[in-house]
PDB file of all heavy atoms in Angstrom:
ATOM      1  N   LEU A   1     -66.369 -86.530  78.909  1.00  0.00           N
ATOM      2  CA  LEU A   1     -66.987 -86.905  80.183  1.00  0.00           C
ATOM      3  C   LEU A   1     -66.692 -88.357  80.535  1.00  0.00           C
ATOM      4  O   LEU A   1     -66.414 -88.680  81.699  1.00  0.00           O
ATOM      5  CB  LEU A   1     -68.497 -86.678  80.113  1.00  0.00           C
ATOM      6  CG  LEU A   1     -68.971 -85.222  80.100  1.00  0.00           C
ATOM      7  CD1 LEU A   1     -70.475 -85.155  79.857  1.00  0.00           C
ATOM      8  CD2 LEU A   1     -68.605 -84.515  81.395  1.00  0.00           C
ATOM      9  N   ASP A   2     -66.732 -89.227  79.537  1.00  0.00           N
ATOM     10  CA  ASP A   2     -66.489 -90.656  79.786  1.00  0.00           C
ATOM     11  C   ASP A   2     -65.052 -90.930  80.222  1.00  0.00           C
ATOM     12  O   ASP A   2     -64.777 -91.954  80.867  1.00  0.00           O
ATOM     13  CB  ASP A   2     -66.800 -91.471  78.532  1.00  0.00           C
ATOM     14  CG  ASP A   2     -68.283 -91.494  78.191  1.00  0.00           C
ATOM     15  OD1 ASP A   2     -69.099 -91.157  79.076  1.00  0.00           O
ATOM     16  OD2 ASP A   2     -68.620 -91.828  77.033  1.00  0.00           O
ATOM     17  N   SER A   3     -64.151 -90.030  79.870  1.00  0.00           N
ATOM     18  CA  SER A   3     -62.733 -90.251  80.190  1.00  0.00           C
ATOM     19  C   SER A   3     -62.366 -89.828  81.611  1.00  0.00           C
ATOM     20  O   SER A   3     -61.269 -90.132  82.083  1.00  0.00           O
ATOM     21  CB  SER A   3     -61.854 -89.464  79.206  1.00  0.00           C
ATOM     22  OG  SER A   3     -61.936 -88.065  79.439  1.00  0.00           O
ATOM     23  N   LEU A   4     -63.265 -89.145  82.289  1.00  0.00           N
ATOM     24  CA  LEU A   4     -62.939 -88.583  83.601  1.00  0.00           C
ATOM     25  C   LEU A   4     -63.174 -89.600  84.713  1.00  0.00           C
ATOM     26  O   LEU A   4     -64.111 -90.401  84.653  1.00  0.00           O
ATOM     27  CB  LEU A   4     -63.787 -87.337  83.856  1.00  0.00           C
ATOM     28  CG  LEU A   4     -63.684 -86.234  82.793  1.00  0.00           C
ATOM     29  CD1 LEU A   4     -64.630 -85.088  83.127  1.00  0.00           C
ATOM     30  CD2 LEU A   4     -62.255 -85.728  82.677  1.00  0.00           C
ATOM     31  N   PRO A   5     -62.352 -89.566  85.749  1.00  0.00           N
ATOM     32  CA  PRO A   5     -62.514 -90.514  86.864  1.00  0.00           C
ATOM     33  C   PRO A   5     -63.676 -90.149  87.771  1.00  0.00           C
ATOM     34  O   PRO A   5     -64.248 -89.059  87.677  1.00  0.00           O
ATOM     35  CB  PRO A   5     -61.176 -90.393  87.602  1.00  0.00           C
ATOM     36  CG  PRO A   5     -60.735 -88.989  87.334  1.00  0.00           C
ATOM     37  CD  PRO A   5     -61.179 -88.690  85.924  1.00  0.00           C
ATOM     38  N   GLU A   6     -64.013 -91.053  88.657  1.00  0.00           N
ATOM     39  CA  GLU A   6     -65.037 -90.792  89.667  1.00  0.00           C
ATOM     40  C   GLU A   6     -64.532 -89.723  90.642  1.00  0.00           C
ATOM     41  O   GLU A   6     -63.334 -89.433  90.711  1.00  0.00           O
ATOM     42  CB  GLU A   6     -65.367 -92.072  90.434  1.00  0.00           C
ATOM     43  CG  GLU A   6     -66.031 -93.146  89.603  1.00  0.00           C
ATOM     44  CD  GLU A   6     -67.416 -92.736  89.132  1.00  0.00           C
ATOM     45  OE1 GLU A   6     -68.163 -92.139  89.953  1.00  0.00           O
ATOM     46  OE2 GLU A   6     -67.741 -92.985  87.970  1.00  0.00           O
ATOM     47  N   ASN A   7     -65.459 -89.145  91.402  1.00  0.00           N
ATOM     48  CA  ASN A   7     -65.060 -88.161  92.398  1.00  0.00           C
ATOM     49  C   ASN A   7     -64.121 -88.763  93.436  1.00  0.00           C
ATOM     50  O   ASN A   7     -64.408 -89.841  93.984  1.00  0.00           O
ATOM     51  CB  ASN A   7     -66.286 -87.609  93.129  1.00  0.00           C
ATOM     52  CG  ASN A   7     -67.064 -86.610  92.288  1.00  0.00           C
ATOM     53  OD1 ASN A   7     -66.562 -86.066  91.318  1.00  0.00           O
ATOM     54  ND2 ASN A   7     -68.305 -86.369  92.684  1.00  0.00           N
ATOM     55  N   ALA A   8     -63.011 -88.077  93.688  1.00  0.00           N
ATOM     56  CA  ALA A   8     -62.141 -88.492  94.782  1.00  0.00           C
ATOM     57  C   ALA A   8     -62.873 -88.305  96.098  1.00  0.00           C
ATOM     58  O   ALA A   8     -63.776 -87.470  96.215  1.00  0.00           O
ATOM     59  CB  ALA A   8     -60.862 -87.657  94.773  1.00  0.00           C
ATOM     60  N   LYS A   9     -62.489 -89.086  97.081  1.00  0.00           N
ATOM     61  CA  LYS A   9     -63.154 -89.021  98.379  1.00  0.00           C
ATOM     62  C   LYS A   9     -62.261 -88.304  99.390  1.00  0.00           C
ATOM     63  O   LYS A   9     -61.078 -88.607  99.518  1.00  0.00           O
ATOM     64  CB  LYS A   9     -63.483 -90.431  98.887  1.00  0.00           C
ATOM     65  CG  LYS A   9     -64.514 -91.165  98.035  1.00  0.00           C
ATOM     66  CD  LYS A   9     -64.859 -92.511  98.651  1.00  0.00           C
ATOM     67  CE  LYS A   9     -65.865 -93.275  97.792  1.00  0.00           C
ATOM     68  NZ  LYS A   9     -67.144 -92.567  97.673  1.00  0.00           N
ATOM     69  N   LEU A  10     -62.848 -87.344 100.080  1.00  0.00           N
ATOM     70  CA  LEU A  10     -62.153 -86.671 101.165  1.00  0.00           C
ATOM     71  C   LEU A  10     -62.403 -87.426 102.466  1.00  0.00           C
ATOM     72  O   LEU A  10     -63.426 -88.112 102.613  1.00  0.00           O
ATOM     73  CB  LEU A  10     -62.659 -85.230 101.294  1.00  0.00           C
ATOM     74  CG  LEU A  10     -62.244 -84.276 100.164  1.00  0.00           C
ATOM     75  CD1 LEU A  10     -63.005 -82.958 100.268  1.00  0.00           C
ATOM     76  CD2 LEU A  10     -60.751 -84.022 100.188  1.00  0.00           C
ATOM     77  N   PRO A  11     -61.489 -87.304 103.428  1.00  0.00           N
ATOM     78  CA  PRO A  11     -61.653 -88.052 104.688  1.00  0.00           C
ATOM     79  C   PRO A  11     -62.621 -87.381 105.660  1.00  0.00           C
ATOM     80  O   PRO A  11     -62.455 -87.479 106.873  1.00  0.00           O
ATOM     81  CB  PRO A  11     -60.219 -88.060 105.243  1.00  0.00           C
ATOM     82  CG  PRO A  11     -59.605 -86.807 104.739  1.00  0.00           C
ATOM     83  CD  PRO A  11     -60.188 -86.605 103.353  1.00  0.00           C
ATOM     84  N   TRP A  12     -63.600 -86.685 105.149  1.00  0.00           N
ATOM     85  CA  TRP A  12     -64.615 -86.044 105.967  1.00  0.00           C
ATOM     86  C   TRP A  12     -65.864 -85.821 105.125  1.00  0.00           C
ATOM     87  O   TRP A  12     -65.841 -85.949 103.910  1.00  0.00           O
ATOM     88  CB  TRP A  12     -64.117 -84.727 106.561  1.00  0.00           C
ATOM     89  CG  TRP A  12     -63.392 -83.812 105.611  1.00  0.00           C
ATOM     90  CD1 TRP A  12     -62.050 -83.759 105.386  1.00  0.00           C
ATOM     91  CD2 TRP A  12     -63.975 -82.818 104.744  1.00  0.00           C
ATOM     92  NE1 TRP A  12     -61.758 -82.809 104.435  1.00  0.00           N
ATOM     93  CE2 TRP A  12     -62.914 -82.209 104.031  1.00  0.00           C
ATOM     94  CE3 TRP A  12     -65.279 -82.377 104.510  1.00  0.00           C
ATOM     95  CZ2 TRP A  12     -63.116 -81.184 103.102  1.00  0.00           C
ATOM     96  CZ3 TRP A  12     -65.491 -81.359 103.579  1.00  0.00           C
ATOM     97  CH2 TRP A  12     -64.411 -80.782 102.890  1.00  0.00           C
ATOM     98  N   GLU A  13     -66.951 -85.474 105.788  1.00  0.00           N
ATOM     99  CA  GLU A  13     -68.237 -85.305 105.111  1.00  0.00           C
ATOM    100  C   GLU A  13     -68.581 -83.826 104.990  1.00  0.00           C
ATOM    101  O   GLU A  13     -68.360 -83.041 105.904  1.00  0.00           O
ATOM    102  CB  GLU A  13     -69.337 -86.016 105.917  1.00  0.00           C
ATOM    103  CG  GLU A  13     -70.696 -86.026 105.248  1.00  0.00           C
ATOM    104  CD  GLU A  13     -71.714 -86.840 106.036  1.00  0.00           C
ATOM    105  OE1 GLU A  13     -72.024 -86.438 107.177  1.00  0.00           O
ATOM    106  OE2 GLU A  13     -72.183 -87.862 105.517  1.00  0.00           O
ATOM    107  N   PHE A  14     -69.118 -83.450 103.818  1.00  0.00           N
ATOM    108  CA  PHE A  14     -69.571 -82.075 103.618  1.00  0.00           C
ATOM    109  C   PHE A  14     -70.745 -81.781 104.540  1.00  0.00           C
ATOM    110  O   PHE A  14     -71.666 -82.584 104.664  1.00  0.00           O
ATOM    111  CB  PHE A  14     -69.993 -81.860 102.161  1.00  0.00           C
ATOM    112  CG  PHE A  14     -68.858 -81.968 101.184  1.00  0.00           C
ATOM    113  CD1 PHE A  14     -68.688 -83.104 100.413  1.00  0.00           C
ATOM    114  CD2 PHE A  14     -67.952 -80.929 101.044  1.00  0.00           C
ATOM    115  CE1 PHE A  14     -67.648 -83.207  99.510  1.00  0.00           C
ATOM    116  CE2 PHE A  14     -66.905 -81.016 100.145  1.00  0.00           C
ATOM    117  CZ  PHE A  14     -66.747 -82.152  99.375  1.00  0.00           C
ATOM    118  N   ARG A  15     -70.726 -80.611 105.171  1.00  0.00           N
ATOM    119  CA  ARG A  15     -71.733 -80.289 106.174  1.00  0.00           C
ATOM    120  C   ARG A  15     -72.610 -79.097 105.821  1.00  0.00           C
ATOM    121  O   ARG A  15     -73.407 -78.651 106.642  1.00  0.00           O
ATOM    122  CB  ARG A  15     -71.054 -80.003 107.524  1.00  0.00           C
ATOM    123  CG  ARG A  15     -70.326 -81.196 108.124  1.00  0.00           C
ATOM    124  CD  ARG A  15     -69.815 -80.839 109.513  1.00  0.00           C
ATOM    125  NE  ARG A  15     -69.144 -81.947 110.155  1.00  0.00           N
ATOM    126  CZ  ARG A  15     -68.637 -81.906 111.386  1.00  0.00           C
ATOM    127  NH1 ARG A  15     -68.758 -80.771 112.097  1.00  0.00           N
ATOM    128  NH2 ARG A  15     -68.032 -82.939 111.912  1.00  0.00           N
ATOM    129  N   SER A  16     -72.457 -78.546 104.642  1.00  0.00           N
ATOM    130  CA  SER A  16     -73.238 -77.364 104.289  1.00  0.00           C
ATOM    131  C   SER A  16     -74.717 -77.711 104.162  1.00  0.00           C
ATOM    132  O   SER A  16     -75.103 -78.885 104.078  1.00  0.00           O
ATOM    133  CB  SER A  16     -72.740 -76.776 102.965  1.00  0.00           C
ATOM    134  OG  SER A  16     -72.953 -77.691 101.914  1.00  0.00           O
ATOM    135  N   ILE A  17     -75.551 -76.683 104.112  1.00  0.00           N
ATOM    136  CA  ILE A  17     -76.985 -76.891 103.937  1.00  0.00           C
ATOM    137  C   ILE A  17     -77.256 -77.596 102.615  1.00  0.00           C
ATOM    138  O   ILE A  17     -78.061 -78.530 102.544  1.00  0.00           O
ATOM    139  CB  ILE A  17     -77.732 -75.544 104.000  1.00  0.00           C
ATOM    140  CG1 ILE A  17     -77.613 -74.938 105.395  1.00  0.00           C
ATOM    141  CG2 ILE A  17     -79.198 -75.715 103.609  1.00  0.00           C
ATOM    142  CD1 ILE A  17     -78.187 -73.548 105.509  1.00  0.00           C
ATOM    143  N   SER A  18     -76.585 -77.160 101.543  1.00  0.00           N
ATOM    144  CA  SER A  18     -76.807 -77.792 100.238  1.00  0.00           C
ATOM    145  C   SER A  18     -76.375 -79.243 100.256  1.00  0.00           C
ATOM    146  O   SER A  18     -77.024 -80.101  99.630  1.00  0.00           O
ATOM    147  CB  SER A  18     -76.062 -77.024  99.143  1.00  0.00           C
ATOM    148  OG  SER A  18     -74.669 -77.017  99.371  1.00  0.00           O
ATOM    149  N   ALA A  19     -75.292 -79.554 100.960  1.00  0.00           N
ATOM    150  CA  ALA A  19     -74.836 -80.942 101.046  1.00  0.00           C
ATOM    151  C   ALA A  19     -75.850 -81.801 101.784  1.00  0.00           C
ATOM    152  O   ALA A  19     -76.143 -82.945 101.368  1.00  0.00           O
ATOM    153  CB  ALA A  19     -73.487 -81.003 101.750  1.00  0.00           C
ATOM    154  N   ARG A  20     -76.420 -81.261 102.839  1.00  0.00           N
ATOM    155  CA  ARG A  20     -77.426 -82.019 103.585  1.00  0.00           C
ATOM    156  C   ARG A  20     -78.689 -82.224 102.753  1.00  0.00           C
ATOM    157  O   ARG A  20     -79.324 -83.282 102.811  1.00  0.00           O
ATOM    158  CB  ARG A  20     -77.747 -81.302 104.904  1.00  0.00           C
ATOM    159  CG  ARG A  20     -76.567 -81.231 105.866  1.00  0.00           C
ATOM    160  CD  ARG A  20     -77.004 -80.918 107.281  1.00  0.00           C
ATOM    161  NE  ARG A  20     -77.580 -79.585 107.396  1.00  0.00           N
ATOM    162  CZ  ARG A  20     -76.886 -78.498 107.696  1.00  0.00           C
ATOM    163  NH1 ARG A  20     -75.579 -78.566 107.867  1.00  0.00           N
ATOM    164  NH2 ARG A  20     -77.497 -77.320 107.817  1.00  0.00           N
ATOM    165  N   LYS A  21     -79.047 -81.221 101.954  1.00  0.00           N
ATOM    166  CA  LYS A  21     -80.208 -81.365 101.075  1.00  0.00           C
ATOM    167  C   LYS A  21     -79.969 -82.448 100.030  1.00  0.00           C
ATOM    168  O   LYS A  21     -80.872 -83.232  99.714  1.00  0.00           O
ATOM    169  CB  LYS A  21     -80.509 -80.030 100.395  1.00  0.00           C
ATOM    170  CG  LYS A  21     -81.127 -78.978 101.298  1.00  0.00           C
ATOM    171  CD  LYS A  21     -81.413 -77.698 100.536  1.00  0.00           C
ATOM    172  CE  LYS A  21     -82.076 -76.660 101.415  1.00  0.00           C
ATOM    173  NZ  LYS A  21     -82.329 -75.386 100.676  1.00  0.00           N
ATOM    174  N   ILE A  22     -78.757 -82.481  99.491  1.00  0.00           N
ATOM    175  CA  ILE A  22     -78.417 -83.505  98.489  1.00  0.00           C
ATOM    176  C   ILE A  22     -78.536 -84.893  99.090  1.00  0.00           C
ATOM    177  O   ILE A  22     -79.133 -85.801  98.493  1.00  0.00           O
ATOM    178  CB  ILE A  22     -76.994 -83.267  97.946  1.00  0.00           C
ATOM    179  CG1 ILE A  22     -76.968 -82.026  97.048  1.00  0.00           C
ATOM    180  CG2 ILE A  22     -76.500 -84.489  97.168  1.00  0.00           C
ATOM    181  CD1 ILE A  22     -75.573 -81.608  96.637  1.00  0.00           C
ATOM    182  N   ARG A  23     -77.978 -85.078 100.282  1.00  0.00           N
ATOM    183  CA  ARG A  23     -78.042 -86.398 100.921  1.00  0.00           C
ATOM    184  C   ARG A  23     -79.474 -86.784 101.268  1.00  0.00           C
ATOM    185  O   ARG A  23     -79.871 -87.944 101.120  1.00  0.00           O
ATOM    186  CB  ARG A  23     -77.155 -86.407 102.176  1.00  0.00           C
ATOM    187  CG  ARG A  23     -75.669 -86.406 101.857  1.00  0.00           C
ATOM    188  CD  ARG A  23     -74.844 -86.779 103.081  1.00  0.00           C
ATOM    189  NE  ARG A  23     -74.901 -85.764 104.109  1.00  0.00           N
ATOM    190  CZ  ARG A  23     -74.058 -84.728 104.191  1.00  0.00           C
ATOM    191  NH1 ARG A  23     -73.098 -84.591 103.293  1.00  0.00           N
ATOM    192  NH2 ARG A  23     -74.161 -83.849 105.174  1.00  0.00           N
ATOM    193  N   ALA A  24     -80.262 -85.803 101.706  1.00  0.00           N
ATOM    194  CA  ALA A  24     -81.663 -86.092 102.029  1.00  0.00           C
ATOM    195  C   ALA A  24     -82.432 -86.510 100.781  1.00  0.00           C
ATOM    196  O   ALA A  24     -83.253 -87.443 100.825  1.00  0.00           O
ATOM    197  CB  ALA A  24     -82.308 -84.863 102.671  1.00  0.00           C
ATOM    198  N   GLU A  25     -82.186 -85.834  99.655  1.00  0.00           N
ATOM    199  CA  GLU A  25     -82.865 -86.174  98.405  1.00  0.00           C
ATOM    200  C   GLU A  25     -82.442 -87.551  97.916  1.00  0.00           C
ATOM    201  O   GLU A  25     -83.272 -88.329  97.421  1.00  0.00           O
ATOM    202  CB  GLU A  25     -82.567 -85.112  97.343  1.00  0.00           C
ATOM    203  CG  GLU A  25     -83.178 -85.388  95.983  1.00  0.00           C
ATOM    204  CD  GLU A  25     -84.694 -85.486  95.999  1.00  0.00           C
ATOM    205  OE1 GLU A  25     -85.324 -84.952  96.944  1.00  0.00           O
ATOM    206  OE2 GLU A  25     -85.244 -86.092  95.053  1.00  0.00           O
ATOM    207  N   GLU A  26     -81.165 -87.867  98.036  1.00  0.00           N
ATOM    208  CA  GLU A  26     -80.697 -89.206  97.634  1.00  0.00           C
ATOM    209  C   GLU A  26     -81.333 -90.282  98.495  1.00  0.00           C
ATOM    210  O   GLU A  26     -81.722 -91.356  97.989  1.00  0.00           O
ATOM    211  CB  GLU A  26     -79.174 -89.275  97.733  1.00  0.00           C
ATOM    212  CG  GLU A  26     -78.453 -88.479  96.655  1.00  0.00           C
ATOM    213  CD  GLU A  26     -76.948 -88.626  96.729  1.00  0.00           C
ATOM    214  OE1 GLU A  26     -76.426 -88.916  97.832  1.00  0.00           O
ATOM    215  OE2 GLU A  26     -76.286 -88.455  95.694  1.00  0.00           O
ATOM    216  N   SER A  27     -81.459 -90.030  99.785  1.00  0.00           N
ATOM    217  CA  SER A  27     -82.111 -90.998 100.680  1.00  0.00           C
ATOM    218  C   SER A  27     -83.575 -91.170 100.309  1.00  0.00           C
ATOM    219  O   SER A  27     -84.106 -92.296 100.312  1.00  0.00           O
ATOM    220  CB  SER A  27     -81.996 -90.534 102.142  1.00  0.00           C
ATOM    221  OG  SER A  27     -80.655 -90.499 102.547  1.00  0.00           O
ATOM    222  N   ARG A  28     -84.219 -90.042  99.968  1.00  0.00           N
ATOM    223  CA  ARG A  28     -85.628 -90.111  99.576  1.00  0.00           C
ATOM    224  C   ARG A  28     -85.793 -90.938  98.308  1.00  0.00           C
ATOM    225  O   ARG A  28     -86.717 -91.761  98.210  1.00  0.00           O
ATOM    226  CB  ARG A  28     -86.176 -88.701  99.361  1.00  0.00           C
ATOM    227  CG  ARG A  28     -87.682 -88.647  99.130  1.00  0.00           C
ATOM    228  CD  ARG A  28     -88.105 -87.329  98.555  1.00  0.00           C
ATOM    229  NE  ARG A  28     -87.582 -87.127  97.210  1.00  0.00           N
ATOM    230  CZ  ARG A  28     -88.073 -87.710  96.116  1.00  0.00           C
ATOM    231  NH1 ARG A  28     -89.104 -88.552  96.206  1.00  0.00           N
ATOM    232  NH2 ARG A  28     -87.546 -87.467  94.934  1.00  0.00           N
ATOM    233  N   GLN A  29     -84.916 -90.732  97.347  1.00  0.00           N
ATOM    234  CA  GLN A  29     -85.002 -91.479  96.092  1.00  0.00           C
ATOM    235  C   GLN A  29     -84.758 -92.966  96.307  1.00  0.00           C
ATOM    236  O   GLN A  29     -85.437 -93.806  95.715  1.00  0.00           O
ATOM    237  CB  GLN A  29     -83.997 -90.912  95.087  1.00  0.00           C
ATOM    238  CG  GLN A  29     -84.357 -89.513  94.583  1.00  0.00           C
ATOM    239  CD  GLN A  29     -83.316 -88.975  93.617  1.00  0.00           C
ATOM    240  OE1 GLN A  29     -82.281 -89.580  93.390  1.00  0.00           O
ATOM    241  NE2 GLN A  29     -83.606 -87.803  93.031  1.00  0.00           N
ATOM    242  N   LYS A  30     -83.795 -93.294  97.148  1.00  0.00           N
ATOM    243  CA  LYS A  30     -83.527 -94.712  97.436  1.00  0.00           C
ATOM    244  C   LYS A  30     -84.720 -95.372  98.116  1.00  0.00           C
ATOM    245  O   LYS A  30     -85.083 -96.515  97.814  1.00  0.00           O
ATOM    246  CB  LYS A  30     -82.280 -94.843  98.304  1.00  0.00           C
ATOM    247  CG  LYS A  30     -80.986 -94.523  97.583  1.00  0.00           C
ATOM    248  CD  LYS A  30     -79.798 -94.671  98.512  1.00  0.00           C
ATOM    249  CE  LYS A  30     -78.490 -94.338  97.787  1.00  0.00           C
ATOM    250  NZ  LYS A  30     -77.320 -94.446  98.706  1.00  0.00           N
ATOM    251  N   GLU A  31     -85.326 -94.640  99.040  1.00  0.00           N
ATOM    252  CA  GLU A  31     -86.494 -95.181  99.733  1.00  0.00           C
ATOM    253  C   GLU A  31     -87.662 -95.359  98.765  1.00  0.00           C
ATOM    254  O   GLU A  31     -88.399 -96.361  98.845  1.00  0.00           O
ATOM    255  CB  GLU A  31     -86.890 -94.221 100.861  1.00  0.00           C
ATOM    256  CG  GLU A  31     -87.990 -94.768 101.761  1.00  0.00           C
ATOM    257  CD  GLU A  31     -87.578 -96.015 102.490  1.00  0.00           C
ATOM    258  OE1 GLU A  31     -86.367 -96.190 102.748  1.00  0.00           O
ATOM    259  OE2 GLU A  31     -88.465 -96.828 102.814  1.00  0.00           O
ATOM    260  N   ALA A  32     -87.794 -94.388  97.835  1.00  0.00           N
ATOM    261  CA  ALA A  32     -88.864 -94.499  96.847  1.00  0.00           C
ATOM    262  C   ALA A  32     -88.656 -95.692  95.927  1.00  0.00           C
ATOM    263  O   ALA A  32     -89.615 -96.383  95.554  1.00  0.00           O
ATOM    264  CB  ALA A  32     -88.921 -93.211  96.015  1.00  0.00           C
ATOM    265  N   GLU A  33     -87.398 -95.991  95.576  1.00  0.00           N
ATOM    266  CA  GLU A  33     -87.095 -97.146  94.731  1.00  0.00           C
ATOM    267  C   GLU A  33     -87.434 -98.434  95.452  1.00  0.00           C
ATOM    268  O   GLU A  33     -87.911 -99.406  94.832  1.00  0.00           O
ATOM    269  CB  GLU A  33     -85.619 -97.118  94.337  1.00  0.00           C
ATOM    270  CG  GLU A  33     -85.263 -95.986  93.361  1.00  0.00           C
ATOM    271  CD  GLU A  33     -83.750 -95.894  93.111  1.00  0.00           C
ATOM    272  OE1 GLU A  33     -83.006 -96.718  93.723  1.00  0.00           O
ATOM    273  OE2 GLU A  33     -83.334 -95.021  92.339  1.00  0.00           O
TER     274      GLU A  33
END
């Protein structure tokens, strides 16, 4: 796991429901911090 690179970035944003939930949860966690 330590040998693997970071996620490559695509030139667009994921728009699925699960992707939006992930971003919302990350925003919530940042706000909580």
